[in-house]
Amino acid sequence: EKISHIEFREKLYRLKEKKRVYLITATHDWC
């Protein structure tokens, strides 16, 4: 869901202020 991705990315940006963050996506991420 786009809204779920948008909310999650906001959390990632806050974490990225202190740590490097690397992710991969998977099938649930494009429904």
All heavy atoms as atom14 arrays in JSON, in Angstrom:
{
  "sequence": "EKISHIEFREKLYRLKEKKRVYLITATHDWC",
  "atom14_mask": [
    [1, 1, 1, 1, 1, 1, 1, 1, 1, 0, 0, 0, 0, 0],
    [1, 1, 1, 1, 1, 1, 1, 1, 1, 0, 0, 0, 0, 0],
    [1, 1, 1, 1, 1, 1, 1, 1, 0, 0, 0, 0, 0, 0],
    [1, 1, 1, 1, 1, 1, 0, 0, 0, 0, 0, 0, 0, 0],
    [1, 1, 1, 1, 1, 1, 1, 1, 1, 1, 0, 0, 0, 0],
    [1, 1, 1, 1, 1, 1, 1, 1, 0, 0, 0, 0, 0, 0],
    [1, 1, 1, 1, 1, 1, 1, 1, 1, 0, 0, 0, 0, 0],
    [1, 1, 1, 1, 1, 1, 1, 1, 1, 1, 1, 0, 0, 0],
    [1, 1, 1, 1, 1, 1, 1, 1, 1, 1, 1, 0, 0, 0],
    [1, 1, 1, 1, 1, 1, 1, 1, 1, 0, 0, 0, 0, 0],
    [1, 1, 1, 1, 1, 1, 1, 1, 1, 0, 0, 0, 0, 0],
    [1, 1, 1, 1, 1, 1, 1, 1, 0, 0, 0, 0, 0, 0],
    [1, 1, 1, 1, 1, 1, 1, 1, 1, 1, 1, 1, 0, 0],
    [1, 1, 1, 1, 1, 1, 1, 1, 1, 1, 1, 0, 0, 0],
    [1, 1, 1, 1, 1, 1, 1, 1, 0, 0, 0, 0, 0, 0],
    [1, 1, 1, 1, 1, 1, 1, 1, 1, 0, 0, 0, 0, 0],
    [1, 1, 1, 1, 1, 1, 1, 1, 1, 0, 0, 0, 0, 0],
    [1, 1, 1, 1, 1, 1, 1, 1, 1, 0, 0, 0, 0, 0],
    [1, 1, 1, 1, 1, 1, 1, 1, 1, 0, 0, 0, 0, 0],
    [1, 1, 1, 1, 1, 1, 1, 1, 1, 1, 1, 0, 0, 0],
    [1, 1, 1, 1, 1, 1, 1, 0, 0, 0, 0, 0, 0, 0],
    [1, 1, 1, 1, 1, 1, 1, 1, 1, 1, 1, 1, 0, 0],
    [1, 1, 1, 1, 1, 1, 1, 1, 0, 0, 0, 0, 0, 0],
    [1, 1, 1, 1, 1, 1, 1, 1, 0, 0, 0, 0, 0, 0],
    [1, 1, 1, 1, 1, 1, 1, 0, 0, 0, 0, 0, 0, 0],
    [1, 1, 1, 1, 1, 0, 0, 0, 0, 0, 0, 0, 0, 0],
    [1, 1, 1, 1, 1, 1, 1, 0, 0, 0, 0, 0, 0, 0],
    [1, 1, 1, 1, 1, 1, 1, 1, 1, 1, 0, 0, 0, 0],
    [1, 1, 1, 1, 1, 1, 1, 1, 0, 0, 0, 0, 0, 0],
    [1, 1, 1, 1, 1, 1, 1, 1, 1, 1, 1, 1, 1, 1],
    [1, 1, 1, 1, 1, 1, 0, 0, 0, 0, 0, 0, 0, 0]
  ],
  "atom14_positions": [
    [[0.84, -1.2, 0.0], [0.0, 0.0, 0.0], [0.88, 1.25, 0.0], [1.81, 1.36, 0.81], [-0.91, 0.02, 1.24], [-1.66, -1.27, 1.48], [-0.96, -2.19, 2.47], [0.24, -1.99, 2.72], [-1.62, -3.12, 2.96], [0.0, 0.0, 0.0], [0.0, 0.0, 0.0], [0.0, 0.0, 0.0], [0.0, 0.0, 0.0], [0.0, 0.0, 0.0]],
    [[0.57, 2.2, -0.85], [1.4, 3.39, -0.96], [1.47, 4.15, 0.36], [2.54, 4.62, 0.76], [0.87, 4.31, -2.06], [1.81, 5.47, -2.37], [1.38, 6.23, -3.62], [2.41, 7.31, -3.97], [2.03, 8.02, -5.23], [0.0, 0.0, 0.0], [0.0, 0.0, 0.0], [0.0, 0.0, 0.0], [0.0, 0.0, 0.0], [0.0, 0.0, 0.0]],
    [[0.34, 4.26, 1.06], [0.33, 5.0, 2.32], [1.21, 4.29, 3.36], [1.9, 4.95, 4.15], [-1.11, 5.19, 2.85], [-1.12, 6.02, 4.14], [-1.79, 3.86, 3.07], [-0.56, 7.41, 3.98], [0.0, 0.0, 0.0], [0.0, 0.0, 0.0], [0.0, 0.0, 0.0], [0.0, 0.0, 0.0], [0.0, 0.0, 0.0], [0.0, 0.0, 0.0]],
    [[1.23, 2.96, 3.35], [2.1, 2.23, 4.28], [3.56, 2.5, 3.95], [4.39, 2.68, 4.86], [1.81, 0.72, 4.21], [0.49, 0.44, 4.63], [0.0, 0.0, 0.0], [0.0, 0.0, 0.0], [0.0, 0.0, 0.0], [0.0, 0.0, 0.0], [0.0, 0.0, 0.0], [0.0, 0.0, 0.0], [0.0, 0.0, 0.0], [0.0, 0.0, 0.0]],
    [[3.91, 2.52, 2.66], [5.27, 2.83, 2.25], [5.67, 4.25, 2.64], [6.79, 4.48, 3.12], [5.41, 2.68, 0.73], [5.65, 1.28, 0.27], [6.77, 0.57, 0.62], [4.91, 0.47, -0.53], [6.72, -0.63, 0.05], [5.59, -0.72, -0.64], [0.0, 0.0, 0.0], [0.0, 0.0, 0.0], [0.0, 0.0, 0.0], [0.0, 0.0, 0.0]],
    [[4.77, 5.19, 2.44], [5.08, 6.59, 2.76], [5.36, 6.74, 4.26], [6.34, 7.37, 4.67], [3.93, 7.51, 2.33], [3.87, 7.6, 0.8], [4.08, 8.91, 2.94], [2.63, 8.31, 0.26], [0.0, 0.0, 0.0], [0.0, 0.0, 0.0], [0.0, 0.0, 0.0], [0.0, 0.0, 0.0], [0.0, 0.0, 0.0], [0.0, 0.0, 0.0]],
    [[4.52, 6.14, 5.08], [4.72, 6.22, 6.53], [6.01, 5.53, 6.95], [6.74, 6.03, 7.81], [3.52, 5.59, 7.25], [2.24, 6.39, 7.12], [1.05, 5.73, 7.79], [1.22, 4.63, 8.38], [-0.06, 6.31, 7.74], [0.0, 0.0, 0.0], [0.0, 0.0, 0.0], [0.0, 0.0, 0.0], [0.0, 0.0, 0.0], [0.0, 0.0, 0.0]],
    [[6.29, 4.37, 6.33], [7.51, 3.64, 6.69], [8.75, 4.42, 6.29], [9.74, 4.48, 7.05], [7.51, 2.25, 6.04], [8.7, 1.42, 6.42], [8.83, 0.91, 7.7], [9.7, 1.15, 5.51], [9.93, 0.14, 8.07], [10.8, 0.38, 5.85], [10.92, -0.12, 7.15], [0.0, 0.0, 0.0], [0.0, 0.0, 0.0], [0.0, 0.0, 0.0]],
    [[8.73, 5.04, 5.11], [9.9, 5.8, 4.67], [10.17, 6.98, 5.59], [11.34, 7.33, 5.83], [9.71, 6.27, 3.23], [10.98, 6.89, 2.63], [10.81, 7.2, 1.16], [9.78, 8.19, 0.91], [9.51, 8.72, -0.28], [10.2, 8.33, -1.35], [8.54, 9.61, -0.44], [0.0, 0.0, 0.0], [0.0, 0.0, 0.0], [0.0, 0.0, 0.0]],
    [[9.14, 7.58, 6.13], [9.35, 8.67, 7.09], [10.1, 8.17, 8.33], [10.99, 8.86, 8.86], [7.99, 9.25, 7.51], [7.28, 10.04, 6.4], [5.87, 10.46, 6.78], [5.41, 10.05, 7.88], [5.23, 11.16, 5.99], [0.0, 0.0, 0.0], [0.0, 0.0, 0.0], [0.0, 0.0, 0.0], [0.0, 0.0, 0.0], [0.0, 0.0, 0.0]],
    [[9.78, 6.96, 8.76], [10.48, 6.37, 9.9], [11.94, 6.1, 9.54], [12.85, 6.28, 10.37], [9.78, 5.08, 10.33], [8.33, 5.25, 10.78], [7.68, 3.92, 11.1], [6.18, 4.05, 11.34], [5.86, 4.92, 12.48], [0.0, 0.0, 0.0], [0.0, 0.0, 0.0], [0.0, 0.0, 0.0], [0.0, 0.0, 0.0], [0.0, 0.0, 0.0]],
    [[12.16, 5.63, 8.31], [13.53, 5.37, 7.85], [14.37, 6.64, 7.84], [15.55, 6.61, 8.24], [13.51, 4.77, 6.44], [12.98, 3.35, 6.29], [12.93, 2.96, 4.82], [13.85, 2.35, 7.06], [0.0, 0.0, 0.0], [0.0, 0.0, 0.0], [0.0, 0.0, 0.0], [0.0, 0.0, 0.0], [0.0, 0.0, 0.0], [0.0, 0.0, 0.0]],
    [[13.8, 7.74, 7.39], [14.56, 8.99, 7.35], [14.96, 9.45, 8.75], [16.06, 9.97, 8.96], [13.76, 10.09, 6.64], [13.92, 10.06, 5.13], [12.82, 9.9, 4.3], [15.18, 10.21, 4.55], [12.97, 9.87, 2.92], [15.33, 10.19, 3.16], [14.22, 10.01, 2.36], [14.38, 9.98, 0.99], [0.0, 0.0, 0.0], [0.0, 0.0, 0.0]],
    [[14.08, 9.22, 9.73], [14.43, 9.58, 11.11], [15.57, 8.68, 11.61], [16.5, 9.16, 12.28], [13.21, 9.45, 12.02], [12.15, 10.51, 11.77], [11.16, 10.6, 12.93], [10.34, 9.41, 13.05], [9.18, 9.24, 12.42], [8.73, 10.17, 11.59], [8.48, 8.13, 12.6], [0.0, 0.0, 0.0], [0.0, 0.0, 0.0], [0.0, 0.0, 0.0]],
    [[15.52, 7.4, 11.29], [16.61, 6.49, 11.69], [17.91, 6.86, 10.98], [18.99, 6.79, 11.57], [16.21, 5.05, 11.37], [17.24, 3.96, 11.67], [17.61, 3.96, 13.16], [16.72, 2.58, 11.26], [0.0, 0.0, 0.0], [0.0, 0.0, 0.0], [0.0, 0.0, 0.0], [0.0, 0.0, 0.0], [0.0, 0.0, 0.0], [0.0, 0.0, 0.0]],
    [[17.8, 7.28, 9.73], [18.97, 7.6, 8.92], [19.72, 8.83, 9.45], [20.89, 9.05, 9.12], [18.56, 7.83, 7.46], [19.71, 7.81, 6.45], [19.14, 7.85, 5.03], [20.25, 7.62, 4.01], [21.13, 8.77, 3.86], [0.0, 0.0, 0.0], [0.0, 0.0, 0.0], [0.0, 0.0, 0.0], [0.0, 0.0, 0.0], [0.0, 0.0, 0.0]],
    [[19.07, 9.61, 10.28], [19.76, 10.75, 10.9], [20.89, 10.29, 11.8], [21.85, 11.03, 12.05], [18.75, 11.59, 11.7], [17.73, 12.32, 10.82], [16.68, 13.04, 11.65], [16.8, 13.0, 12.91], [15.75, 13.62, 11.07], [0.0, 0.0, 0.0], [0.0, 0.0, 0.0], [0.0, 0.0, 0.0], [0.0, 0.0, 0.0], [0.0, 0.0, 0.0]],
    [[20.81, 9.03, 12.29], [21.84, 8.51, 13.2], [22.59, 7.31, 12.64], [23.72, 7.05, 13.04], [21.21, 8.14, 14.54], [20.69, 9.34, 15.34], [20.3, 8.93, 16.75], [19.91, 10.14, 17.59], [19.55, 9.77, 18.98], [0.0, 0.0, 0.0], [0.0, 0.0, 0.0], [0.0, 0.0, 0.0], [0.0, 0.0, 0.0], [0.0, 0.0, 0.0]],
    [[21.95, 6.55, 11.75], [22.58, 5.33, 11.24], [22.41, 5.23, 9.72], [21.42, 5.7, 9.17], [21.94, 4.07, 11.87], [21.97, 4.04, 13.38], [23.4, 3.91, 13.92], [23.39, 3.91, 15.45], [24.76, 3.86, 16.03], [0.0, 0.0, 0.0], [0.0, 0.0, 0.0], [0.0, 0.0, 0.0], [0.0, 0.0, 0.0], [0.0, 0.0, 0.0]],
    [[23.38, 4.6, 9.08], [23.2, 4.25, 7.67], [22.17, 3.12, 7.59], [22.2, 2.2, 8.41], [24.51, 3.81, 7.05], [25.51, 4.95, 6.82], [26.79, 4.42, 6.23], [27.55, 3.63, 7.21], [28.45, 2.72, 6.9], [28.7, 2.43, 5.63], [29.11, 2.07, 7.84], [0.0, 0.0, 0.0], [0.0, 0.0, 0.0], [0.0, 0.0, 0.0]],
    [[21.3, 3.2, 6.62], [20.23, 2.21, 6.49], [20.2, 1.68, 5.06], [20.18, 2.45, 4.1], [18.85, 2.82, 6.83], [17.76, 1.74, 6.74], [18.85, 3.47, 8.2], [0.0, 0.0, 0.0], [0.0, 0.0, 0.0], [0.0, 0.0, 0.0], [0.0, 0.0, 0.0], [0.0, 0.0, 0.0], [0.0, 0.0, 0.0], [0.0, 0.0, 0.0]],
    [[20.19, 0.35, 4.94], [20.14, -0.31, 3.62], [19.04, -1.35, 3.64], [18.95, -2.17, 4.55], [21.49, -0.96, 3.3], [22.63, 0.02, 3.34], [23.58, -0.03, 4.37], [22.75, 1.02, 2.38], [24.63, 0.88, 4.42], [23.78, 1.94, 2.43], [24.72, 1.86, 3.44], [25.75, 2.79, 3.49], [0.0, 0.0, 0.0], [0.0, 0.0, 0.0]],
    [[18.2, -1.31, 2.62], [17.11, -2.28, 2.58], [16.96, -2.89, 1.2], [17.43, -2.34, 0.2], [15.8, -1.66, 3.05], [15.13, -0.53, 2.24], [14.41, -1.05, 1.0], [14.14, 0.22, 3.11], [0.0, 0.0, 0.0], [0.0, 0.0, 0.0], [0.0, 0.0, 0.0], [0.0, 0.0, 0.0], [0.0, 0.0, 0.0], [0.0, 0.0, 0.0]],
    [[16.3, -4.04, 1.18], [15.8, -4.6, -0.06], [14.29, -4.7, 0.08], [13.75, -4.74, 1.18], [16.38, -6.0, -0.34], [16.19, -6.93, 0.87], [17.84, -5.92, -0.74], [16.54, -8.37, 0.61], [0.0, 0.0, 0.0], [0.0, 0.0, 0.0], [0.0, 0.0, 0.0], [0.0, 0.0, 0.0], [0.0, 0.0, 0.0], [0.0, 0.0, 0.0]],
    [[13.61, -4.7, -1.04], [12.17, -4.9, -1.04], [11.87, -6.34, -1.44], [12.74, -7.06, -1.91], [11.49, -3.92, -2.0], [12.04, -4.08, -3.32], [11.68, -2.48, -1.53], [0.0, 0.0, 0.0], [0.0, 0.0, 0.0], [0.0, 0.0, 0.0], [0.0, 0.0, 0.0], [0.0, 0.0, 0.0], [0.0, 0.0, 0.0], [0.0, 0.0, 0.0]],
    [[10.6, -6.74, -1.23], [10.2, -8.1, -1.59], [8.75, -8.06, -2.07], [8.15, -7.0, -2.23], [10.38, -9.03, -0.4], [0.0, 0.0, 0.0], [0.0, 0.0, 0.0], [0.0, 0.0, 0.0], [0.0, 0.0, 0.0], [0.0, 0.0, 0.0], [0.0, 0.0, 0.0], [0.0, 0.0, 0.0], [0.0, 0.0, 0.0], [0.0, 0.0, 0.0]],
    [[8.18, -9.22, -2.28], [6.88, -9.3, -2.96], [5.76, -8.57, -2.24], [4.85, -8.04, -2.89], [6.48, -10.77, -3.17], [6.62, -11.48, -1.93], [7.39, -11.43, -4.2], [0.0, 0.0, 0.0], [0.0, 0.0, 0.0], [0.0, 0.0, 0.0], [0.0, 0.0, 0.0], [0.0, 0.0, 0.0], [0.0, 0.0, 0.0], [0.0, 0.0, 0.0]],
    [[5.78, -8.53, -0.91], [4.73, -7.79, -0.19], [4.82, -6.29, -0.46], [3.84, -5.57, -0.23], [4.84, -8.05, 1.32], [4.01, -9.2, 1.77], [2.69, -9.08, 2.16], [4.29, -10.52, 1.88], [2.21, -10.26, 2.5], [3.17, -11.16, 2.34], [0.0, 0.0, 0.0], [0.0, 0.0, 0.0], [0.0, 0.0, 0.0], [0.0, 0.0, 0.0]],
    [[5.94, -5.84, -0.95], [6.13, -4.4, -1.14], [5.56, -3.89, -2.46], [5.49, -2.69, -2.68], [7.62, -4.06, -1.03], [8.16, -4.39, 0.35], [7.43, -4.13, 1.33], [9.27, -4.93, 0.46], [0.0, 0.0, 0.0], [0.0, 0.0, 0.0], [0.0, 0.0, 0.0], [0.0, 0.0, 0.0], [0.0, 0.0, 0.0], [0.0, 0.0, 0.0]],
    [[5.16, -4.81, -3.33], [4.46, -4.38, -4.54], [3.17, -5.18, -4.75], [2.64, -5.28, -5.85], [5.36, -4.44, -5.77], [6.12, -5.72, -5.99], [7.3, -6.08, -5.41], [5.77, -6.8, -6.86], [7.7, -7.32, -5.85], [6.79, -7.78, -6.76], [4.71, -7.04, -7.73], [6.76, -8.97, -7.48], [4.69, -8.22, -8.46], [5.7, -9.17, -8.33]],
    [[2.67, -5.74, -3.63], [1.37, -6.42, -3.65], [1.28, -7.41, -4.8], [0.44, -7.3, -5.69], [0.24, -5.4, -3.75], [-1.39, -6.06, -3.36], [0.0, 0.0, 0.0], [0.0, 0.0, 0.0], [0.0, 0.0, 0.0], [0.0, 0.0, 0.0], [0.0, 0.0, 0.0], [0.0, 0.0, 0.0], [0.0, 0.0, 0.0], [0.0, 0.0, 0.0]]
  ]
}
